[in-house]
Amino acid sequence: MIKNFSFYLLLIGQFMANLGDALYTITVVTLIYKLTGSATLATMIPIFRVIAQVFSGMITPFLIGKFRLKFILVN
């Protein structure tokens, strides 16, 4: 019935990680909104997060090309 059991485990694990990530983001945004009362400040959290992901996604290939992977992961 299930030919790729390892793939399904990976798929379920990725789903759970994404769900946890979304719940964490919702929790932080809600906390910031309740503490400050500012919707503008609360919306900045996901915006800054996306900007950081885009920036790290652009710079990571250059770092991997310049340094050994072991050096990047250990240090």
N, C-alpha and C. Protein backbone atom coordinates (compact mmCIF):
# COMPACT_ATOMS: atom_id res chain seq x y z
N MET A 1 0.82 -1.19 0.00
CA MET A 1 0.00 0.00 0.00
C MET A 1 0.87 1.26 0.00
N ILE A 2 1.76 1.38 0.96
CA ILE A 2 2.64 2.55 1.03
C ILE A 2 4.02 2.13 0.50
N LYS A 3 4.36 2.61 -0.70
CA LYS A 3 5.64 2.24 -1.30
C LYS A 3 6.79 3.06 -0.74
N ASN A 4 6.55 4.32 -0.52
CA ASN A 4 7.60 5.23 -0.05
C ASN A 4 7.31 5.67 1.38
N PHE A 5 7.47 4.75 2.31
CA PHE A 5 7.17 5.05 3.71
C PHE A 5 8.07 6.17 4.24
N SER A 6 9.34 6.17 3.85
CA SER A 6 10.27 7.21 4.31
C SER A 6 9.84 8.58 3.80
N PHE A 7 9.34 8.62 2.56
CA PHE A 7 8.87 9.88 2.02
C PHE A 7 7.67 10.41 2.80
N TYR A 8 6.77 9.53 3.16
CA TYR A 8 5.59 9.96 3.93
C TYR A 8 5.99 10.45 5.32
N LEU A 9 6.98 9.81 5.92
CA LEU A 9 7.48 10.30 7.21
C LEU A 9 8.09 11.69 7.06
N LEU A 10 8.85 11.88 5.99
CA LEU A 10 9.43 13.20 5.73
C LEU A 10 8.34 14.23 5.49
N LEU A 11 7.32 13.87 4.73
CA LEU A 11 6.22 14.77 4.44
C LEU A 11 5.46 15.16 5.71
N ILE A 12 5.20 14.19 6.57
CA ILE A 12 4.52 14.47 7.83
C ILE A 12 5.39 15.34 8.74
N GLY A 13 6.68 15.04 8.78
CA GLY A 13 7.60 15.85 9.59
C GLY A 13 7.67 17.28 9.11
N GLN A 14 7.71 17.47 7.79
CA GLN A 14 7.74 18.82 7.23
C GLN A 14 6.45 19.56 7.53
N PHE A 15 5.33 18.86 7.43
CA PHE A 15 4.03 19.46 7.74
C PHE A 15 3.99 19.91 9.20
N MET A 16 4.46 19.07 10.10
CA MET A 16 4.45 19.42 11.52
C MET A 16 5.38 20.60 11.81
N ALA A 17 6.53 20.64 11.14
CA ALA A 17 7.46 21.76 11.32
C ALA A 17 6.84 23.06 10.82
N ASN A 18 6.18 23.01 9.67
CA ASN A 18 5.52 24.21 9.13
C ASN A 18 4.37 24.67 10.01
N LEU A 19 3.63 23.71 10.55
CA LEU A 19 2.52 24.05 11.45
C LEU A 19 3.06 24.73 12.72
N GLY A 20 4.11 24.17 13.29
CA GLY A 20 4.72 24.77 14.47
C GLY A 20 5.26 26.16 14.19
N ASP A 21 5.86 26.33 13.02
CA ASP A 21 6.39 27.62 12.62
C ASP A 21 5.27 28.66 12.48
N ALA A 22 4.17 28.26 11.89
CA ALA A 22 3.03 29.17 11.74
C ALA A 22 2.42 29.53 13.09
N LEU A 23 2.29 28.55 13.96
CA LEU A 23 1.74 28.84 15.30
C LEU A 23 2.66 29.76 16.09
N TYR A 24 3.97 29.56 15.95
CA TYR A 24 4.93 30.44 16.63
C TYR A 24 4.78 31.88 16.13
N THR A 25 4.68 32.05 14.82
CA THR A 25 4.53 33.39 14.25
C THR A 25 3.24 34.05 14.72
N ILE A 26 2.15 33.30 14.71
CA ILE A 26 0.87 33.84 15.18
C ILE A 26 0.96 34.24 16.65
N THR A 27 1.63 33.42 17.44
CA THR A 27 1.78 33.72 18.87
C THR A 27 2.59 34.98 19.10
N VAL A 28 3.69 35.13 18.37
CA VAL A 28 4.53 36.33 18.54
C VAL A 28 3.78 37.58 18.09
N VAL A 29 3.10 37.50 16.97
CA VAL A 29 2.34 38.66 16.48
C VAL A 29 1.24 39.04 17.48
N THR A 30 0.54 38.04 18.00
CA THR A 30 -0.51 38.31 18.99
C THR A 30 0.07 38.92 20.26
N LEU A 31 1.18 38.41 20.72
CA LEU A 31 1.83 38.94 21.92
C LEU A 31 2.27 40.39 21.72
N ILE A 32 2.89 40.67 20.58
CA ILE A 32 3.32 42.04 20.30
C ILE A 32 2.11 42.98 20.24
N TYR A 33 1.04 42.51 19.62
CA TYR A 33 -0.16 43.36 19.52
C TYR A 33 -0.77 43.61 20.91
N LYS A 34 -0.83 42.58 21.74
CA LYS A 34 -1.41 42.76 23.07
C LYS A 34 -0.54 43.63 23.97
N LEU A 35 0.78 43.52 23.82
CA LEU A 35 1.67 44.33 24.65
C LEU A 35 1.72 45.79 24.22
N THR A 36 1.68 46.03 22.90
CA THR A 36 1.82 47.40 22.42
C THR A 36 0.51 48.03 21.98
N GLY A 37 -0.44 47.22 21.55
CA GLY A 37 -1.69 47.76 21.02
C GLY A 37 -1.55 48.34 19.63
N SER A 38 -0.40 48.11 19.00
CA SER A 38 -0.14 48.68 17.68
C SER A 38 -0.20 47.58 16.62
N ALA A 39 -1.15 47.71 15.71
CA ALA A 39 -1.25 46.75 14.62
C ALA A 39 -0.08 46.91 13.65
N THR A 40 0.40 48.12 13.49
CA THR A 40 1.54 48.36 12.60
C THR A 40 2.77 47.62 13.09
N LEU A 41 3.05 47.71 14.38
CA LEU A 41 4.21 47.01 14.94
C LEU A 41 4.03 45.50 14.86
N ALA A 42 2.82 45.04 15.05
CA ALA A 42 2.57 43.59 14.98
C ALA A 42 2.75 43.07 13.56
N THR A 43 2.42 43.86 12.56
CA THR A 43 2.61 43.40 11.18
C THR A 43 4.06 43.45 10.73
N MET A 44 4.88 44.18 11.46
CA MET A 44 6.30 44.25 11.10
C MET A 44 7.03 42.94 11.39
N ILE A 45 6.54 42.16 12.32
CA ILE A 45 7.21 40.90 12.68
C ILE A 45 7.28 39.95 11.48
N PRO A 46 6.17 39.62 10.83
CA PRO A 46 6.29 38.73 9.66
C PRO A 46 7.05 39.37 8.50
N ILE A 47 6.93 40.69 8.35
CA ILE A 47 7.64 41.37 7.27
C ILE A 47 9.15 41.26 7.47
N PHE A 48 9.63 41.54 8.69
CA PHE A 48 11.06 41.42 8.97
C PHE A 48 11.54 39.98 8.82
N ARG A 49 10.69 39.07 9.18
CA ARG A 49 11.04 37.65 9.07
C ARG A 49 11.23 37.24 7.61
N VAL A 50 10.33 37.69 6.75
CA VAL A 50 10.45 37.38 5.33
C VAL A 50 11.68 38.05 4.73
N ILE A 51 11.93 39.29 5.11
CA ILE A 51 13.11 40.00 4.62
C ILE A 51 14.38 39.27 5.04
N ALA A 52 14.43 38.78 6.27
CA ALA A 52 15.60 38.03 6.73
C ALA A 52 15.77 36.73 5.96
N GLN A 53 14.68 36.05 5.66
CA GLN A 53 14.76 34.80 4.90
C GLN A 53 15.23 35.06 3.47
N VAL A 54 14.74 36.11 2.85
CA VAL A 54 15.16 36.44 1.49
C VAL A 54 16.63 36.82 1.47
N PHE A 55 17.06 37.64 2.42
CA PHE A 55 18.46 38.05 2.48
C PHE A 55 19.37 36.86 2.71
N SER A 56 19.02 35.99 3.65
CA SER A 56 19.87 34.83 3.91
C SER A 56 19.84 33.87 2.73
N GLY A 57 18.72 33.79 2.02
CA GLY A 57 18.66 32.95 0.84
C GLY A 57 19.53 33.46 -0.29
N MET A 58 19.72 34.77 -0.35
CA MET A 58 20.58 35.34 -1.40
C MET A 58 22.06 35.25 -1.04
N ILE A 59 22.39 35.37 0.24
CA ILE A 59 23.79 35.40 0.63
C ILE A 59 24.39 34.01 0.90
N THR A 60 23.55 33.03 1.20
CA THR A 60 24.03 31.70 1.53
C THR A 60 24.83 31.04 0.41
N PRO A 61 24.40 31.11 -0.86
CA PRO A 61 25.23 30.50 -1.91
C PRO A 61 26.64 31.07 -2.00
N PHE A 62 26.78 32.36 -1.74
CA PHE A 62 28.12 32.96 -1.76
C PHE A 62 28.98 32.45 -0.61
N LEU A 63 28.37 32.30 0.57
CA LEU A 63 29.12 31.80 1.72
C LEU A 63 29.53 30.34 1.51
N ILE A 64 28.64 29.54 0.96
CA ILE A 64 28.96 28.14 0.73
C ILE A 64 30.05 28.02 -0.33
N GLY A 65 30.02 28.90 -1.32
CA GLY A 65 31.05 28.87 -2.35
C GLY A 65 32.40 29.34 -1.85
N LYS A 66 32.41 30.20 -0.85
CA LYS A 66 33.67 30.77 -0.36
C LYS A 66 34.30 29.95 0.76
N PHE A 67 33.48 29.40 1.65
CA PHE A 67 33.98 28.66 2.80
C PHE A 67 33.60 27.19 2.68
N ARG A 68 34.34 26.36 3.40
CA ARG A 68 33.98 24.95 3.47
C ARG A 68 32.71 24.81 4.30
N LEU A 69 31.88 23.86 3.94
CA LEU A 69 30.62 23.66 4.63
C LEU A 69 30.83 23.31 6.11
N LYS A 70 31.86 22.53 6.40
CA LYS A 70 32.15 22.16 7.79
C LYS A 70 32.47 23.40 8.62
N PHE A 71 33.19 24.35 8.05
CA PHE A 71 33.53 25.59 8.75
C PHE A 71 32.27 26.42 9.05
N ILE A 72 31.35 26.45 8.09
CA ILE A 72 30.13 27.23 8.27
C ILE A 72 29.24 26.60 9.34
N LEU A 73 29.11 25.27 9.32
CA LEU A 73 28.21 24.60 10.25
C LEU A 73 28.75 24.52 11.67
N VAL A 74 30.06 24.35 11.81
CA VAL A 74 30.65 24.17 13.15
C VAL A 74 30.86 25.52 13.84
N ASN A 75 31.35 26.49 13.12
CA ASN A 75 31.62 27.80 13.72
C ASN A 75 30.39 28.60 13.63
